[in-house]
């Protein structure tokens, strides 16, 4: 089985199992999605969705967050973990958007990557889910684990995993792969105790039966 055949089989089997999801994070604008995605690092989406309503009610626009007191912003996002670094990145990104970009979040990969706290995962999520522009595949912890377990990539480096996945899957399904792998990772291919007996792709999984994080 070639890499492309394996990828096509994974997509064909997972797609019917998991309905399309706009986003696991709650947002109304691309800017809100950017902030929520920065906060989601090493934090559950559920926790972020508890924090962002109050955050955006208090500081609704980039200019508001740019002017926020850093101590107050840190306290507002404290429960998401790594709050000092996240608050600093969000405040500086807000300043750049408000003062240098006319208050408009860019919809180009290269320009998004210039913002503090934004790597390719975050940029891919914002482009795909916020702007409807698919330029790659966001690689988070679930996607990394499943890519390795399913034999779609053999590295730990997110940028290389993304290249491997983009080479494996047809471009027209790139926008769906992140959600399919995340949902399968949360429901079946769990990090430390994968439910292989309930897995739709177990017969093509080279690491079936793995009992610790890949």
Protein backbone atom coordinates (compact mmCIF):
# COMPACT_ATOMS: atom_id res chain seq x y z
CA UNK A 1 0.00 0.00 0.00
CA UNK A 2 1.43 3.38 -1.01
CA UNK A 3 1.35 6.38 1.29
CA UNK A 4 -1.35 7.98 -0.83
CA UNK A 5 -3.44 4.80 -0.79
CA UNK A 6 -3.13 4.57 2.99
CA UNK A 7 -4.13 8.21 3.37
CA UNK A 8 -7.11 7.79 1.03
CA UNK A 9 -8.30 4.78 3.01
CA UNK A 10 -7.97 6.67 6.31
CA UNK A 11 -9.99 9.57 4.91
CA UNK A 12 -12.67 7.37 3.32
CA UNK A 13 -13.22 5.43 6.54
CA UNK A 14 -13.10 8.32 9.04
CA UNK A 15 -15.13 10.82 7.06
CA UNK A 16 -18.50 9.06 7.53
CA UNK A 17 -17.87 8.63 11.26
CA UNK A 18 -17.37 12.27 12.20
CA UNK A 19 -19.66 15.08 11.05
CA UNK A 20 -18.08 18.29 9.76
CA UNK A 21 -17.07 20.70 12.51
CA UNK A 22 -16.50 24.40 11.87
CA UNK A 23 -14.17 24.66 14.84
CA UNK A 24 -13.64 23.20 18.29
CA UNK A 25 -13.06 26.77 19.49
CA UNK A 26 -15.84 29.34 19.81
CA UNK A 27 -15.33 32.54 17.80
CA UNK A 28 -17.15 35.07 15.66
CA UNK A 29 -14.23 36.74 13.85
CA UNK A 30 -10.83 35.58 12.56
CA UNK A 31 -9.18 37.76 15.21
CA UNK A 32 -11.07 35.99 17.99
CA UNK A 33 -10.06 32.65 16.49
CA UNK A 34 -6.41 33.72 16.49
CA UNK A 35 -6.57 34.66 20.17
CA UNK A 36 -8.43 31.47 21.08
CA UNK A 37 -5.93 29.33 19.19
CA UNK A 38 -2.99 30.98 20.95
CA UNK A 39 -4.70 30.27 24.27
CA UNK A 40 -5.35 26.63 23.29
CA UNK A 41 -1.66 25.68 23.42
CA UNK A 42 -1.26 23.05 26.17
CA UNK A 43 -4.88 23.67 27.15
CA UNK A 44 -8.22 22.05 26.38
CA UNK A 45 -10.62 23.68 23.94
CA UNK A 46 -13.31 23.50 26.61
CA UNK A 47 -11.25 25.61 28.99
CA UNK A 48 -10.47 28.15 26.28
CA UNK A 49 -14.17 28.40 25.43
CA UNK A 50 -14.86 29.20 29.08
CA UNK A 51 -12.28 32.00 29.09
CA UNK A 52 -12.85 33.76 25.76
CA UNK A 53 -16.42 35.11 26.28
CA UNK A 54 -15.29 37.24 29.20
CA UNK A 55 -12.03 38.13 27.46
CA UNK A 56 -13.75 39.42 24.32
CA UNK A 57 -16.49 41.15 26.29
CA UNK A 58 -13.83 43.17 28.10
CA UNK A 59 -11.44 43.67 25.15
CA UNK A 60 -13.50 43.16 21.96
CA UNK A 61 -11.07 44.46 19.32
CA UNK A 62 -7.30 44.30 18.71
CA UNK A 63 -6.95 47.94 19.75
CA UNK A 64 -8.58 47.12 23.09
CA UNK A 65 -6.26 44.22 23.81
CA UNK A 66 -3.29 46.29 22.69
CA UNK A 67 -4.15 48.82 25.38
CA UNK A 68 -4.93 46.23 28.07
CA UNK A 69 -3.01 46.24 31.32
CA UNK A 70 -0.71 43.22 31.05
CA UNK A 71 -1.33 42.12 34.65
CA UNK A 72 -5.08 42.20 34.10
CA UNK A 73 -4.74 40.31 30.83
CA UNK A 74 -2.55 37.68 32.49
CA UNK A 75 -5.18 37.17 35.17
CA UNK A 76 -7.93 36.87 32.58
CA UNK A 77 -6.14 34.00 30.79
CA UNK A 78 -4.42 32.45 33.81
CA UNK A 79 -6.53 29.28 33.79
CA UNK A 80 -5.33 28.36 30.28
CA UNK A 81 -1.78 27.81 31.54
CA UNK A 82 1.48 29.49 30.46
CA UNK A 83 -0.56 32.65 30.96
CA UNK A 84 2.30 35.15 31.06
CA UNK A 85 3.69 34.10 27.71
CA UNK A 86 0.23 33.86 26.15
CA UNK A 87 -0.82 37.28 27.45
CA UNK A 88 2.40 38.87 26.20
CA UNK A 89 2.01 37.35 22.73
CA UNK A 90 -1.66 38.29 22.46
CA UNK A 91 -1.03 41.88 23.56
CA UNK A 92 1.84 42.35 21.10
CA UNK A 93 -0.06 40.68 18.26
CA UNK A 94 -2.97 43.00 19.01
CA UNK A 95 -0.66 46.00 18.92
CA UNK A 96 0.73 45.00 15.53
CA UNK A 97 -2.73 44.40 14.06
CA UNK A 98 -4.14 47.61 15.51
CA UNK A 99 -1.22 49.94 14.80
CA UNK A 100 0.51 48.47 11.76
CA UNK A 101 -2.23 46.58 9.91
CA UNK A 102 -5.14 48.95 10.24
CA UNK A 103 -6.98 46.72 12.70
CA UNK A 104 -7.41 43.98 10.10
CA UNK A 105 -5.97 40.51 10.66
CA UNK A 106 -4.09 39.39 7.53
CA UNK A 107 -5.32 36.36 5.62
CA UNK A 108 -1.93 35.29 4.28
CA UNK A 109 0.29 32.61 5.78
CA UNK A 110 3.54 34.60 5.64
CA UNK A 111 2.01 37.65 7.31
CA UNK A 112 0.30 35.63 10.03
CA UNK A 113 3.57 33.91 10.87
CA UNK A 114 5.10 37.29 11.64
CA UNK A 115 2.74 37.77 14.59
CA UNK A 116 3.95 36.79 18.09
CA UNK A 117 2.74 33.39 19.25
CA UNK A 118 1.78 32.29 15.74
CA UNK A 119 3.40 29.19 14.24
CA UNK A 120 2.12 27.18 11.29
CA UNK A 121 -0.46 25.26 13.33
CA UNK A 122 -2.13 28.45 14.50
CA UNK A 123 -1.86 30.09 11.08
CA UNK A 124 -3.37 27.05 9.36
CA UNK A 125 -6.30 27.00 11.79
CA UNK A 126 -7.00 30.70 11.32
CA UNK A 127 -6.73 30.52 7.54
CA UNK A 128 -8.87 27.39 7.19
CA UNK A 129 -11.53 28.04 9.82
CA UNK A 130 -11.49 31.83 9.92
CA UNK A 131 -10.95 32.76 6.29
CA UNK A 132 -11.88 29.57 4.40
CA UNK A 133 -8.41 29.43 2.84
CA UNK A 134 -6.67 26.05 2.95
CA UNK A 135 -2.91 26.28 2.57
CA UNK A 136 -1.83 23.34 4.73
CA UNK A 137 -2.82 20.98 7.54
CA UNK A 138 -2.70 22.07 11.18
CA UNK A 139 -0.63 19.63 13.25
CA UNK A 140 -1.54 19.45 16.94
CA UNK A 141 -0.85 16.69 19.44
CA UNK A 142 -3.66 14.44 18.15
CA UNK A 143 -2.70 14.88 14.51
CA UNK A 144 0.95 14.20 15.31
CA UNK A 145 0.09 11.02 17.22
CA UNK A 146 -2.23 9.63 14.57
CA UNK A 147 0.08 10.54 11.71
CA UNK A 148 2.80 8.48 13.39
CA UNK A 149 0.58 5.57 14.40
CA UNK A 150 -1.05 5.29 10.99
CA UNK A 151 2.27 5.30 9.19
CA UNK A 152 1.69 8.68 7.53
CA UNK A 153 4.81 10.27 9.04
CA UNK A 154 7.79 9.06 11.05
CA UNK A 155 8.96 12.30 12.67
CA UNK A 156 8.13 14.41 15.73
CA UNK A 157 8.67 17.71 13.92
CA UNK A 158 5.31 19.38 13.20
CA UNK A 159 6.51 21.13 10.05
CA UNK A 160 7.73 17.85 8.58
CA UNK A 161 4.55 16.02 9.62
CA UNK A 162 2.55 18.72 7.83
CA UNK A 163 4.58 18.23 4.65
CA UNK A 164 4.14 14.47 4.89
CA UNK A 165 0.38 14.76 5.35
CA UNK A 166 0.04 17.26 2.53
CA UNK A 167 1.93 14.85 0.26
CA UNK A 168 -0.23 11.92 1.38
CA UNK A 169 -3.74 13.42 1.20
CA UNK A 170 -5.45 14.98 -1.81
CA UNK A 171 -5.38 18.75 -1.57
CA UNK A 172 -9.16 19.00 -1.73
CA UNK A 173 -9.47 17.19 1.64
CA UNK A 174 -6.70 19.06 3.51
CA UNK A 175 -9.26 21.23 5.26
CA UNK A 176 -11.00 18.19 6.76
CA UNK A 177 -8.03 16.10 7.86
CA UNK A 178 -7.23 18.04 11.03
CA UNK A 179 -10.76 17.63 12.40
CA UNK A 180 -11.05 13.97 11.39
CA UNK A 181 -7.78 13.01 13.07
CA UNK A 182 -8.53 15.09 16.17
CA UNK A 183 -11.96 13.53 16.63
CA UNK A 184 -10.63 10.02 16.05
CA UNK A 185 -7.78 10.72 18.45
CA UNK A 186 -10.16 11.92 21.15
CA UNK A 187 -12.73 9.16 20.71
CA UNK A 188 -10.79 6.06 19.68
CA UNK A 189 -7.04 6.42 19.15
CA UNK A 190 -6.43 7.72 22.66
CA UNK A 191 -2.84 8.47 23.60
CA UNK A 192 -2.22 5.91 26.34
CA UNK A 193 -5.03 3.44 25.79
CA UNK A 194 -6.10 3.27 22.15
CA UNK A 195 -9.41 1.49 21.57
CA UNK A 196 -8.14 -0.63 18.71
CA UNK A 197 -11.16 -2.96 18.81
CA UNK A 198 -13.37 0.02 17.93
CA UNK A 199 -11.07 1.52 15.31
CA UNK A 200 -12.21 1.78 11.70
CA UNK A 201 -8.65 1.77 10.39
CA UNK A 202 -7.06 -0.83 12.68
CA UNK A 203 -6.35 -3.23 9.81
CA UNK A 204 -4.03 -0.71 8.14
CA UNK A 205 -2.50 0.65 11.34
CA UNK A 206 1.16 -0.40 11.72
CA UNK A 207 1.10 0.46 15.43
CA UNK A 208 -2.16 -1.14 16.51
CA UNK A 209 -2.12 -2.09 20.15
CA UNK A 210 0.24 0.70 21.21
CA UNK A 211 -0.48 1.48 24.86
CA UNK A 212 1.49 4.67 25.34
CA UNK A 213 1.75 7.98 23.53
CA UNK A 214 3.41 7.58 20.16
